[in-house]
């Protein structure tokens, strides 16, 4: 793995992108840039995140569990802040118990730049400028209008929810807050503008900055709702989804099998959540509206790919592409609800009232700047098949996400274009990047005057750098004994090797531990709890250890003792 200097890094994160929403993972959506990266790199088909965005991002930057890193719960869902006051790991921002990847690389001499969504703290002391980024064009909250059309935020009017940050603190450039009404370009569209800004940072590097390796972070807010895209791109997909989500699900599954990404005999999970009526039972107008939403979603993914191509093309022309470790990922499963909007439901300033007052969701207007739509559980389940569920679920549909890597100095010619099914997590990104950069994590030494926790992830370098078939490469985590836990919104899971125990409250579950062999049963359909009580008990004990190790706090999440598969 000989390179002339330390490698550059480009980390690209899509927001609420489903498992099969891109070409390398079986989609009909046109994604030639990602197709190229996959052909010249490796797809990670067993990559896991948290079940929602800010917890995943805290793990991406810290290399450790989100309950340790400050996002034990999403800030939007910490309504009673007094309940969490003084609880380490529940600060609602990336805390200072962790050494952020950007901080470590900045101290190691890297030029660190970002453009896009942060969602790890809106105060200046928690923003990217304070967490290791030299430069950044930053959207601080979790979601927003892709055209910067926010008529609900007017001077003198109450904010829609206490959970929504002050609009004056939505945007920041290089440590200074921007006025979204005057400081953003007139032709603003989130995906394009985020890419414009990142490219501007890279193109404007001084000779001194060009002598440094760079760490760049491009975090799109697409394809997160509201579903909005340029009209000409939406038109590319007109009619593609006229057969409905069930038909799309079957097509995607067939393509995943054809690509070898899921077994031929896979038993997919049925759709779950607040599903649309059966497609044939819907009126022609209902079907048209639903299809148009999916057409818009597809256009958003298409535009993401177009802009990834712009960055790749720039790096190729500048001669830096092959020296740059490129990673593309989604932050969680597809969005089948309206997670960040849930705190706003109810009252005169509810989301529904705001949409009725300020937006036009008539069929001809869907996708425009003054529309505000989402596509619902049926389409989300289509993109997450064969897994069960979607964003917020602790089943694989919420946490198993697309990921691919391109880096020729690491990935051998024999492995390029292939995929690996070794178990990986977003916590592995920090140790992988530090390994490639030849930079040690600061734990247990003091870092920037504070003590920091160690990483929980493992480097991918020994696996991806294997000279041969990656199916024979050493695993990233021990495939039989490695233990990984998840918890968010009171939904819980613990995994040891191929076995995964899941505990979900209604309506997702029945408040009993379930047990699945996720290798043989990726849809988590066949509960083995009653057949394997000793195995289940061992996994629940692993849960107790995990609960203690990460300092979890939630009045509804406690140590578990098995009694007739229930907990006490």
Protein backbone atom coordinates (compact mmCIF):
# COMPACT_ATOMS: atom_id res chain seq x y z
CA UNK A 1 0.00 0.00 0.00
CA UNK A 2 2.60 2.50 -1.13
CA UNK A 3 1.48 6.07 -1.74
CA UNK A 4 3.53 9.21 -2.30
CA UNK A 5 1.95 10.96 0.64
CA UNK A 6 -0.80 10.39 3.15
CA UNK A 7 -4.04 9.66 1.29
CA UNK A 8 -6.82 12.15 0.84
CA UNK A 9 -10.30 11.28 2.07
CA UNK A 10 -13.72 12.02 0.59
CA UNK A 11 -16.64 10.87 2.72
CA UNK A 12 -20.05 11.23 1.03
CA UNK A 13 -23.23 10.67 3.03
CA UNK A 14 -26.71 10.49 1.52
CA UNK A 15 -29.67 11.21 3.79
CA UNK A 16 -32.37 8.50 4.15
CA UNK A 17 -31.22 6.60 1.07
CA UNK A 18 -32.58 3.06 0.91
CA UNK A 19 -30.50 -0.08 0.43
CA UNK A 20 -31.44 -0.61 -3.23
CA UNK A 21 -31.84 3.04 -4.29
CA UNK A 22 -28.64 3.18 -6.40
CA UNK A 23 -27.44 1.23 -9.41
CA UNK A 24 -24.69 -0.70 -7.60
CA UNK A 25 -27.35 -2.01 -5.23
CA UNK A 26 -30.01 -2.90 -7.77
CA UNK A 27 -31.85 0.29 -8.57
CA UNK A 28 -33.43 1.42 -11.83
CA UNK A 29 -32.45 5.00 -10.91
CA UNK A 30 -29.60 6.26 -13.10
CA UNK A 31 -26.44 6.53 -10.99
CA UNK A 32 -23.48 6.25 -13.38
CA UNK A 33 -21.02 7.94 -11.00
CA UNK A 34 -21.76 5.46 -8.23
CA UNK A 35 -21.73 2.65 -10.79
CA UNK A 36 -18.20 3.68 -11.68
CA UNK A 37 -17.05 3.91 -8.06
CA UNK A 38 -18.48 0.45 -7.38
CA UNK A 39 -16.86 -1.01 -10.51
CA UNK A 40 -13.49 0.39 -9.46
CA UNK A 41 -14.00 -0.32 -5.77
CA UNK A 42 -15.92 -2.57 -3.40
CA UNK A 43 -19.51 -2.64 -2.18
CA UNK A 44 -20.05 -3.39 1.51
CA UNK A 45 -23.36 -5.24 1.67
CA UNK A 46 -23.43 -5.94 5.43
CA UNK A 47 -22.76 -2.38 6.60
CA UNK A 48 -24.68 -1.14 9.64
CA UNK A 49 -25.55 2.27 11.05
CA UNK A 50 -27.83 3.57 13.78
CA UNK A 51 -31.53 3.68 12.92
CA UNK A 52 -31.62 7.47 12.51
CA UNK A 53 -29.38 10.22 11.21
CA UNK A 54 -27.70 12.22 13.99
CA UNK A 55 -26.83 9.11 16.05
CA UNK A 56 -25.20 7.62 12.93
CA UNK A 57 -23.26 10.82 12.26
CA UNK A 58 -21.97 10.87 15.83
CA UNK A 59 -20.69 7.31 15.32
CA UNK A 60 -19.16 8.25 11.96
CA UNK A 61 -17.09 11.03 13.55
CA UNK A 62 -16.26 9.35 16.85
CA UNK A 63 -15.78 5.68 16.03
CA UNK A 64 -17.81 4.79 19.08
CA UNK A 65 -21.42 4.24 20.09
CA UNK A 66 -23.81 7.18 19.87
CA UNK A 67 -24.82 6.75 23.53
CA UNK A 68 -21.22 7.62 24.39
CA UNK A 69 -20.74 10.31 21.74
CA UNK A 70 -23.61 12.58 22.82
CA UNK A 71 -26.55 11.45 20.69
CA UNK A 72 -27.99 8.76 22.95
CA UNK A 73 -31.23 10.30 21.82
CA UNK A 74 -31.89 12.65 18.93
CA UNK A 75 -32.08 16.26 20.07
CA UNK A 76 -35.47 16.62 18.35
CA UNK A 77 -36.86 13.92 20.62
CA UNK A 78 -35.47 15.17 23.93
CA UNK A 79 -38.57 17.20 24.76
CA UNK A 80 -38.05 17.04 28.52
CA UNK A 81 -34.45 18.23 28.61
CA UNK A 82 -34.41 18.16 32.42
CA UNK A 83 -34.82 14.40 32.24
CA UNK A 84 -31.50 14.11 30.39
CA UNK A 85 -29.65 16.88 32.20
CA UNK A 86 -26.32 15.70 33.56
CA UNK A 87 -26.52 12.37 31.73
CA UNK A 88 -23.27 11.80 29.79
CA UNK A 89 -23.98 10.78 26.23
CA UNK A 90 -27.30 12.63 26.07
CA UNK A 91 -26.04 16.13 25.41
CA UNK A 92 -27.83 16.33 22.05
CA UNK A 93 -24.60 17.24 20.24
CA UNK A 94 -21.27 15.56 19.49
CA UNK A 95 -19.76 15.78 22.94
CA UNK A 96 -16.18 16.33 24.00
CA UNK A 97 -15.69 12.88 25.48
CA UNK A 98 -14.85 11.84 21.91
CA UNK A 99 -12.05 12.93 19.62
CA UNK A 100 -13.76 13.83 16.35
CA UNK A 101 -12.14 12.37 13.24
CA UNK A 102 -11.83 15.86 11.79
CA UNK A 103 -10.02 17.06 14.93
CA UNK A 104 -7.56 14.18 14.86
CA UNK A 105 -6.74 14.68 11.19
CA UNK A 106 -6.51 18.46 11.58
CA UNK A 107 -3.90 17.97 14.30
CA UNK A 108 -2.12 15.49 12.02
CA UNK A 109 -1.65 18.15 9.35
CA UNK A 110 -4.65 17.52 7.12
CA UNK A 111 -6.65 20.25 5.44
CA UNK A 112 -10.18 19.58 6.67
CA UNK A 113 -13.22 20.83 4.74
CA UNK A 114 -16.90 20.01 4.68
CA UNK A 115 -20.08 21.02 2.93
CA UNK A 116 -23.59 19.96 3.86
CA UNK A 117 -25.56 18.68 6.80
CA UNK A 118 -24.00 18.58 10.27
CA UNK A 119 -26.86 17.71 12.68
CA UNK A 120 -24.43 17.33 15.58
CA UNK A 121 -25.02 20.63 17.37
CA UNK A 122 -26.18 24.09 16.29
CA UNK A 123 -24.26 26.23 18.79
CA UNK A 124 -20.99 27.65 17.51
CA UNK A 125 -19.00 25.73 20.12
CA UNK A 126 -20.48 22.49 18.78
CA UNK A 127 -20.37 23.36 15.08
CA UNK A 128 -17.79 22.03 12.58
CA UNK A 129 -15.60 25.10 13.05
CA UNK A 130 -15.11 23.99 16.66
CA UNK A 131 -14.71 20.29 15.88
CA UNK A 132 -11.72 20.22 13.60
CA UNK A 133 -12.84 21.68 10.28
CA UNK A 134 -10.69 24.40 8.75
CA UNK A 135 -13.45 25.38 6.35
CA UNK A 136 -17.10 24.52 6.01
CA UNK A 137 -20.38 25.50 4.39
CA UNK A 138 -22.75 23.94 6.85
CA UNK A 139 -26.45 23.24 7.31
CA UNK A 140 -26.75 22.68 11.05
CA UNK A 141 -30.26 21.14 11.57
CA UNK A 142 -31.53 17.74 10.49
CA UNK A 143 -33.76 18.60 7.53
CA UNK A 144 -35.13 21.48 5.49
CA UNK A 145 -36.44 22.72 2.18
CA UNK A 146 -34.08 21.84 -0.66
CA UNK A 147 -34.75 25.19 -2.36
CA UNK A 148 -34.45 27.28 0.81
CA UNK A 149 -38.18 28.05 0.60
CA UNK A 150 -39.23 28.37 4.24
CA UNK A 151 -42.27 30.69 4.41
CA UNK A 152 -43.21 29.32 7.84
CA UNK A 153 -40.19 31.08 9.34
CA UNK A 154 -41.33 34.71 9.34
CA UNK A 155 -40.26 37.48 11.61
CA UNK A 156 -42.68 37.92 14.48
CA UNK A 157 -44.39 34.56 14.01
CA UNK A 158 -43.95 31.70 16.49
CA UNK A 159 -41.64 28.92 15.42
CA UNK A 160 -43.49 25.74 14.41
CA UNK A 161 -42.09 23.78 17.36
CA UNK A 162 -39.85 24.15 20.35
CA UNK A 163 -37.86 21.31 18.79
CA UNK A 164 -36.95 23.44 15.78
CA UNK A 165 -33.80 25.54 16.08
CA UNK A 166 -33.80 29.28 15.53
CA UNK A 167 -33.77 29.81 11.73
CA UNK A 168 -31.00 32.35 12.26
CA UNK A 169 -28.71 29.48 13.26
CA UNK A 170 -29.51 27.11 10.38
CA UNK A 171 -26.53 28.03 8.20
CA UNK A 172 -22.84 28.67 8.82
CA UNK A 173 -19.77 29.33 6.71
CA UNK A 174 -16.29 29.01 8.21
CA UNK A 175 -17.58 29.61 11.72
CA UNK A 176 -19.91 32.51 10.98
CA UNK A 177 -23.69 32.21 10.87
CA UNK A 178 -25.35 33.05 7.58
CA UNK A 179 -28.70 34.72 6.96
CA UNK A 180 -30.57 32.20 4.85
CA UNK A 181 -32.62 35.03 3.29
CA UNK A 182 -29.66 37.02 1.98
CA UNK A 183 -26.50 34.89 2.11
CA UNK A 184 -27.50 31.86 0.06
CA UNK A 185 -27.38 31.85 -3.76
CA UNK A 186 -30.56 32.65 -5.67
CA UNK A 187 -30.32 29.38 -7.58
CA UNK A 188 -29.92 27.39 -4.37
CA UNK A 189 -30.70 23.69 -4.51
CA UNK A 190 -29.25 21.73 -1.64
CA UNK A 191 -27.44 18.98 -3.54
CA UNK A 192 -25.99 21.31 -6.18
CA UNK A 193 -25.05 24.06 -3.74
CA UNK A 194 -23.37 21.71 -1.28
CA UNK A 195 -21.29 20.34 -4.16
CA UNK A 196 -20.52 23.84 -5.48
CA UNK A 197 -19.18 24.83 -2.08
CA UNK A 198 -17.04 21.75 -1.58
CA UNK A 199 -15.55 22.13 -5.04
CA UNK A 200 -14.89 25.80 -4.33
CA UNK A 201 -12.92 24.85 -1.23
CA UNK A 202 -10.88 22.29 -3.16
CA UNK A 203 -10.27 24.52 -6.18
CA UNK A 204 -9.25 27.53 -4.12
CA UNK A 205 -6.55 25.75 -2.14
CA UNK A 206 -3.34 27.70 -1.80
CA UNK A 207 -0.02 26.09 -2.72
CA UNK A 208 0.56 25.50 0.98
CA UNK A 209 -2.84 23.83 1.33
CA UNK A 210 -2.26 21.70 -1.78
CA UNK A 211 0.88 20.37 -0.15
CA UNK A 212 -1.29 18.89 2.57
CA UNK A 213 -3.50 15.84 2.24
CA UNK A 214 -7.18 16.69 2.63
CA UNK A 215 -10.11 15.25 4.54
CA UNK A 216 -13.38 16.28 2.88
CA UNK A 217 -16.93 15.56 4.01
CA UNK A 218 -19.85 16.01 1.61
CA UNK A 219 -23.11 15.45 3.47
CA UNK A 220 -26.21 15.77 1.29
CA UNK A 221 -29.67 16.41 2.69
CA UNK A 222 -31.14 14.46 -0.23
CA UNK A 223 -33.15 12.34 -0.66
CA UNK A 224 -34.62 13.30 2.76
CA UNK A 225 -38.12 14.77 2.63
CA UNK A 226 -39.53 17.16 1.54
CA UNK A 227 -39.32 15.51 -1.86
CA UNK A 228 -38.14 18.23 -4.24
CA UNK A 229 -36.07 18.11 -7.42
CA UNK A 230 -35.54 19.93 -10.72
CA UNK A 231 -38.57 19.40 -12.94
CA UNK A 232 -36.54 18.14 -15.92
CA UNK A 233 -35.02 15.35 -13.82
CA UNK A 234 -38.41 14.35 -12.40
CA UNK A 235 -39.66 14.02 -15.97
CA UNK A 236 -36.96 11.42 -16.68
CA UNK A 237 -38.81 9.06 -14.36
CA UNK A 238 -42.36 9.77 -15.48
CA UNK A 239 -44.23 6.47 -15.70
CA UNK A 240 -41.42 4.38 -14.20
CA UNK A 241 -43.36 3.78 -10.99
CA UNK A 242 -46.87 3.48 -12.38
CA UNK A 243 -47.09 -0.17 -11.26
CA UNK A 244 -46.72 0.78 -7.59
CA UNK A 245 -44.40 -0.12 -4.71
CA UNK A 246 -45.09 -3.88 -4.71
CA UNK A 247 -43.97 -4.17 -8.30
CA UNK A 248 -40.89 -2.05 -7.59
CA UNK A 249 -40.06 -4.27 -4.63
CA UNK A 250 -40.15 -7.38 -6.81
CA UNK A 251 -38.00 -5.77 -9.50
CA UNK A 252 -35.44 -4.58 -6.99
CA UNK A 253 -35.26 -7.99 -5.31
CA UNK A 254 -34.79 -9.72 -8.64
CA UNK A 255 -31.96 -7.35 -9.50
CA UNK A 256 -30.31 -7.85 -6.08
CA UNK A 257 -30.37 -11.60 -6.68
CA UNK A 258 -28.97 -11.11 -10.19
CA UNK A 259 -26.12 -9.03 -8.76
CA UNK A 260 -25.41 -11.70 -6.16
CA UNK A 261 -26.07 -9.31 -3.29
CA UNK A 262 -28.83 -11.44 -1.74
CA UNK A 263 -29.32 -15.22 -1.97
CA UNK A 264 -31.55 -16.66 -4.67
CA UNK A 265 -33.76 -18.33 -2.07
CA UNK A 266 -34.08 -15.24 0.13
CA UNK A 267 -37.37 -14.88 1.97
CA UNK A 268 -38.07 -11.16 2.02
CA UNK A 269 -39.92 -9.49 4.85
CA UNK A 270 -43.41 -8.22 4.02
CA UNK A 271 -43.97 -4.46 4.02
CA UNK A 272 -44.69 -2.93 7.43
CA UNK A 273 -45.77 0.41 8.86
CA UNK A 274 -48.59 2.70 7.79
CA UNK A 275 -48.84 1.28 4.30
CA UNK A 276 -50.75 2.71 1.38
CA UNK A 277 -53.87 0.85 0.29
CA UNK A 278 -53.42 -1.93 -2.23
CA UNK A 279 -52.37 -0.34 -5.53
CA UNK A 280 -55.36 -1.75 -7.42
CA UNK A 281 -57.71 -0.43 -4.75
CA UNK A 282 -56.46 3.14 -5.11
CA UNK A 283 -58.14 5.62 -7.41
CA UNK A 284 -56.26 6.71 -10.56
CA UNK A 285 -55.55 10.06 -8.93
CA UNK A 286 -54.19 8.43 -5.76
CA UNK A 287 -51.90 6.23 -7.81
CA UNK A 288 -50.72 9.22 -9.85
CA UNK A 289 -49.89 11.21 -6.72
CA UNK A 290 -48.03 8.29 -5.13
CA UNK A 291 -46.08 7.57 -8.32
CA UNK A 292 -45.16 11.25 -8.70
CA UNK A 293 -43.71 11.26 -5.19
CA UNK A 294 -41.54 8.28 -6.06
CA UNK A 295 -40.56 9.91 -9.37
CA UNK A 296 -39.41 12.93 -7.38
CA UNK A 297 -37.49 10.76 -4.94
CA UNK A 298 -35.76 9.06 -7.88
CA UNK A 299 -34.87 12.45 -9.33
CA UNK A 300 -33.29 13.49 -6.04
CA UNK A 301 -31.09 10.38 -6.07
CA UNK A 302 -30.24 11.03 -9.73
CA UNK A 303 -29.13 14.58 -8.89
CA UNK A 304 -27.03 13.32 -5.98
CA UNK A 305 -25.21 11.06 -8.42
CA UNK A 306 -24.76 13.87 -10.94
CA UNK A 307 -23.05 15.93 -8.28
CA UNK A 308 -20.90 13.09 -7.03
CA UNK A 309 -19.70 12.84 -10.61
CA UNK A 310 -18.70 16.52 -10.53
CA UNK A 311 -16.44 15.89 -7.53
CA UNK A 312 -14.99 12.70 -8.99
CA UNK A 313 -14.33 14.46 -12.29
CA UNK A 314 -12.55 17.29 -10.50
CA UNK A 315 -10.33 14.88 -8.56
CA UNK A 316 -9.53 13.01 -11.75
CA UNK A 317 -8.54 16.18 -13.61
CA UNK A 318 -6.47 17.38 -10.65
CA UNK A 319 -4.67 14.03 -10.56
CA UNK A 320 -5.85 13.27 -7.04
CA UNK A 321 -8.56 10.68 -7.56
CA UNK A 322 -6.42 7.57 -7.17
CA UNK A 323 -4.80 9.05 -4.06
CA UNK A 324 -8.21 9.68 -2.47
CA UNK A 325 -10.09 7.16 -0.35
CA UNK A 326 -13.71 7.65 -1.44
CA UNK A 327 -16.50 6.31 0.76
CA UNK A 328 -20.20 6.61 -0.04
CA UNK A 329 -22.92 5.61 2.44
CA UNK A 330 -26.44 6.26 3.65
CA UNK A 331 -27.02 7.31 7.25
CA UNK A 332 -29.91 4.90 7.94
CA UNK A 333 -32.66 2.97 6.21
CA UNK A 334 -35.21 4.63 3.95
CA UNK A 335 -37.66 7.00 5.66
CA UNK A 336 -41.13 5.51 5.94
CA UNK A 337 -42.46 8.08 8.42
CA UNK A 338 -41.61 11.68 9.23
CA UNK A 339 -39.17 11.26 12.09
CA UNK A 340 -37.83 14.78 12.57
CA UNK A 341 -41.32 16.21 12.09
CA UNK A 342 -42.99 14.10 14.77
CA UNK A 343 -42.28 16.62 17.56
CA UNK A 344 -44.22 19.19 15.51
CA UNK A 345 -47.41 17.19 15.21
CA UNK A 346 -50.42 18.63 17.00
CA UNK A 347 -51.57 22.16 17.71
CA UNK A 348 -52.07 25.20 15.54
CA UNK A 349 -48.46 25.05 14.33
CA UNK A 350 -48.51 21.37 13.40
CA UNK A 351 -46.85 20.16 10.25
CA UNK A 352 -50.21 19.55 8.60
CA UNK A 353 -51.37 23.09 9.33
CA UNK A 354 -48.11 24.54 8.04
CA UNK A 355 -48.34 22.58 4.81
CA UNK A 356 -51.94 23.65 4.27
CA UNK A 357 -51.03 27.27 4.85
CA UNK A 358 -47.76 27.57 2.94
CA UNK A 359 -47.45 24.74 0.41
CA UNK A 360 -49.19 23.36 -2.67
CA UNK A 361 -49.21 19.56 -2.89
CA UNK A 362 -51.47 19.28 -5.93
CA UNK A 363 -50.24 16.66 -8.39
CA UNK A 364 -48.80 19.11 -10.97
CA UNK A 365 -46.81 20.89 -8.25
CA UNK A 366 -45.28 17.91 -6.45
CA UNK A 367 -41.51 18.26 -6.45
CA UNK A 368 -41.46 22.05 -6.75
CA UNK A 369 -40.00 24.38 -4.15
CA UNK A 370 -43.42 25.16 -2.67
CA UNK A 371 -44.51 21.53 -2.33
CA UNK A 372 -43.92 19.47 0.81
CA UNK A 373 -44.40 15.73 0.39
CA UNK A 374 -42.93 12.41 1.49
CA UNK A 375 -43.49 8.98 -0.02
CA UNK A 376 -44.49 6.78 2.93
CA UNK A 377 -43.90 3.27 4.20
CA UNK A 378 -44.82 1.29 1.09
CA UNK A 379 -42.09 2.82 -1.09
CA UNK A 380 -39.61 2.76 1.82
CA UNK A 381 -40.16 -0.97 2.32
CA UNK A 382 -39.65 -1.55 -1.40
CA UNK A 383 -36.17 -0.02 -1.18
CA UNK A 384 -35.18 -1.90 2.00
CA UNK A 385 -36.24 -5.40 0.90
CA UNK A 386 -35.40 -8.10 1.78
CA UNK A 387 -34.98 -6.50 5.20
CA UNK A 388 -37.87 -5.76 7.54
CA UNK A 389 -38.76 -2.17 8.36
CA UNK A 390 -37.09 1.15 7.60
CA UNK A 391 -35.65 4.17 9.40
CA UNK A 392 -36.21 4.06 13.20
CA UNK A 393 -36.72 0.27 13.14
CA UNK A 394 -34.05 -1.74 14.93
CA UNK A 395 -34.54 -4.57 12.45
CA UNK A 396 -32.18 -4.72 9.48
CA UNK A 397 -34.43 -2.40 7.46
CA UNK A 398 -33.50 0.47 9.76
CA UNK A 399 -29.80 -0.18 10.14
CA UNK A 400 -28.43 -2.14 7.14
CA UNK A 401 -27.40 0.45 4.58
CA UNK A 402 -25.58 0.77 1.26
CA UNK A 403 -21.89 1.54 1.42
CA UNK A 404 -19.09 1.45 -1.13
CA UNK A 405 -15.40 2.28 -1.14
CA UNK A 406 -12.95 3.19 -3.91
CA UNK A 407 -9.22 3.40 -3.18
CA UNK A 408 -6.87 1.73 -5.69
CA UNK A 409 -3.81 1.66 -3.39
CA UNK A 410 -5.81 -0.55 -1.00
CA UNK A 411 -8.31 -2.53 -3.07
CA UNK A 412 -6.51 -5.02 -5.29
CA UNK A 413 -7.39 -5.43 -8.94
CA UNK A 414 -8.92 -8.83 -8.23
CA UNK A 415 -11.36 -7.35 -5.72
CA UNK A 416 -12.49 -4.35 -7.73
CA UNK A 417 -16.11 -4.47 -8.80
CA UNK A 418 -16.90 -7.11 -6.21
CA UNK A 419 -18.73 -6.94 -2.92
CA UNK A 420 -18.05 -8.13 0.60
CA UNK A 421 -20.61 -9.42 3.05
CA UNK A 422 -18.39 -9.21 6.10
CA UNK A 423 -20.15 -7.51 9.02
CA UNK A 424 -19.17 -3.84 9.33
CA UNK A 425 -20.47 -0.76 11.12
CA UNK A 426 -20.21 2.98 10.72
CA UNK A 427 -17.99 2.99 13.83
CA UNK A 428 -15.32 1.31 11.68
CA UNK A 429 -14.80 4.40 9.53
CA UNK A 430 -12.64 6.27 12.07
CA UNK A 431 -10.15 3.42 12.68
CA UNK A 432 -10.05 2.66 8.93
CA UNK A 433 -9.20 6.24 7.99
CA UNK A 434 -6.65 6.61 10.79
CA UNK A 435 -5.07 3.33 9.72
CA UNK A 436 -4.73 4.52 6.13
CA UNK A 437 -3.42 7.93 7.24
CA UNK A 438 -0.88 6.37 9.60
CA UNK A 439 -2.30 8.40 12.48
CA UNK A 440 -2.88 6.96 15.93
CA UNK A 441 -6.08 7.56 17.85
CA UNK A 442 -5.23 9.75 20.86
CA UNK A 443 -6.77 7.50 23.55
CA UNK A 444 -5.53 6.96 26.25
CA UNK A 445 -3.42 10.13 26.07
CA UNK A 446 -4.93 13.55 26.63
CA UNK A 447 -6.29 15.16 23.47
CA UNK A 448 -6.69 18.91 23.15
CA UNK A 449 -6.59 19.17 26.93
CA UNK A 450 -9.25 16.55 27.63
CA UNK A 451 -9.59 12.84 28.14
CA UNK A 452 -11.26 10.98 25.29
CA UNK A 453 -12.80 7.54 24.97
CA UNK A 454 -11.43 4.79 22.71
CA UNK A 455 -13.04 3.70 19.47
CA UNK A 456 -15.29 0.63 19.32
CA UNK A 457 -14.91 0.11 15.56
CA UNK A 458 -12.30 -1.91 13.67
CA UNK A 459 -10.18 -1.03 10.63
CA UNK A 460 -11.24 -2.37 7.24
CA UNK A 461 -7.69 -2.26 5.89
CA UNK A 462 -6.76 -5.93 6.53
CA UNK A 463 -10.03 -7.04 4.92
CA UNK A 464 -10.20 -4.72 1.90
CA UNK A 465 -6.47 -5.03 1.25
CA UNK A 466 -6.60 -8.81 1.03
CA UNK A 467 -4.92 -10.07 -2.15
CA UNK A 468 -7.65 -12.29 -3.52
CA UNK A 469 -11.32 -13.09 -3.17
CA UNK A 470 -12.71 -10.98 -0.33
CA UNK A 471 -14.91 -13.92 0.67
CA UNK A 472 -11.67 -15.50 1.91
CA UNK A 473 -10.29 -12.33 3.51
CA UNK A 474 -9.99 -11.96 7.28
CA UNK A 475 -13.24 -10.60 8.66
CA UNK A 476 -13.43 -7.10 10.10
CA UNK A 477 -15.18 -8.30 13.24
CA UNK A 478 -15.09 -11.89 14.44
CA UNK A 479 -17.99 -13.44 12.55
CA UNK A 480 -18.83 -15.78 15.43
CA UNK A 481 -18.22 -13.85 18.62
CA UNK A 482 -18.29 -10.10 17.92
CA UNK A 483 -21.10 -8.38 19.84
CA UNK A 484 -22.79 -5.18 18.63
CA UNK A 485 -25.77 -3.40 20.18
CA UNK A 486 -28.34 -0.87 19.03
CA UNK A 487 -30.94 1.25 20.84
CA UNK A 488 -33.01 4.25 19.87
CA UNK A 489 -36.54 5.30 20.81
CA UNK A 490 -36.66 2.37 23.23
CA UNK A 491 -36.20 -0.19 20.43
CA UNK A 492 -33.34 -2.55 21.23
CA UNK A 493 -31.17 -5.11 19.50
CA UNK A 494 -28.04 -7.07 20.28
CA UNK A 495 -26.07 -9.20 17.83
CA UNK A 496 -23.46 -11.90 18.33
CA UNK A 497 -22.14 -13.31 15.08
CA UNK A 498 -25.09 -14.43 12.99
CA UNK A 499 -27.58 -14.27 15.87
CA UNK A 500 -29.56 -11.15 16.65
CA UNK A 501 -32.04 -10.53 19.47
CA UNK A 502 -34.61 -7.79 18.99
CA UNK A 503 -36.97 -6.14 21.47
CA UNK A 504 -39.63 -3.77 20.13
CA UNK A 505 -42.60 -2.06 21.67
CA UNK A 506 -46.00 -1.87 19.93
CA UNK A 507 -46.87 -1.36 17.15
CA UNK A 508 -43.59 -2.75 15.81
CA UNK A 509 -43.33 -5.58 18.34
CA UNK A 510 -45.07 -7.16 21.29
CA UNK A 511 -42.64 -6.32 24.10
CA UNK A 512 -40.97 -9.70 23.90
CA UNK A 513 -37.43 -10.57 22.91
CA UNK A 514 -37.25 -12.12 19.46
CA UNK A 515 -34.30 -14.13 18.15
CA UNK A 516 -33.18 -14.38 14.53
CA UNK A 517 -30.44 -16.02 12.52
CA UNK A 518 -29.85 -13.03 10.25
CA UNK A 519 -27.61 -14.94 7.86
CA UNK A 520 -30.21 -17.60 7.11
CA UNK A 521 -33.16 -15.26 7.70
CA UNK A 522 -32.22 -11.69 6.64
CA UNK A 523 -35.88 -10.66 6.69
CA UNK A 524 -36.07 -11.51 10.41
CA UNK A 525 -39.24 -13.53 9.91
CA UNK A 526 -38.64 -16.74 11.87
CA UNK A 527 -38.38 -16.09 15.59
CA UNK A 528 -36.18 -18.76 17.23
CA UNK A 529 -36.59 -17.52 20.81
CA UNK A 530 -38.66 -20.45 22.02
CA UNK A 531 -36.37 -22.95 20.27
CA UNK A 532 -33.12 -21.47 21.58
CA UNK A 533 -33.81 -20.18 25.12
CA UNK A 534 -30.20 -20.51 26.28
CA UNK A 535 -28.90 -18.64 23.27
CA UNK A 536 -31.47 -15.92 23.82
CA UNK A 537 -30.49 -15.65 27.48
CA UNK A 538 -26.84 -15.23 26.48
CA UNK A 539 -27.70 -12.46 24.05
CA UNK A 540 -29.78 -10.67 26.65
CA UNK A 541 -26.82 -10.82 29.00
CA UNK A 542 -24.76 -9.25 26.21
CA UNK A 543 -27.44 -6.55 26.09
CA UNK A 544 -26.96 -5.89 29.81
CA UNK A 545 -23.22 -5.50 29.27
CA UNK A 546 -23.78 -3.20 26.30
CA UNK A 547 -26.28 -1.13 28.29
CA UNK A 548 -23.70 -0.64 31.03
CA UNK A 549 -20.69 -0.07 28.76
CA UNK A 550 -22.26 2.76 26.78
CA UNK A 551 -23.88 4.46 29.79
CA UNK A 552 -27.35 4.19 28.37
CA UNK A 553 -30.05 6.19 30.08
CA UNK A 554 -33.74 6.11 29.34
CA UNK A 555 -36.58 5.64 31.81
CA UNK A 556 -38.04 3.05 29.45
CA UNK A 557 -34.81 1.13 28.82
CA UNK A 558 -33.51 -1.03 31.64
CA UNK A 559 -31.51 -4.15 32.39
CA UNK A 560 -33.37 -7.19 31.15
CA UNK A 561 -34.16 -10.42 32.94
CA UNK A 562 -35.84 -13.13 30.90
CA UNK A 563 -39.11 -14.50 32.17
CA UNK A 564 -41.28 -16.26 29.61
CA UNK A 565 -39.54 -14.19 26.90
CA UNK A 566 -40.67 -10.97 28.55
CA UNK A 567 -38.48 -8.57 30.47
CA UNK A 568 -38.60 -7.34 34.02
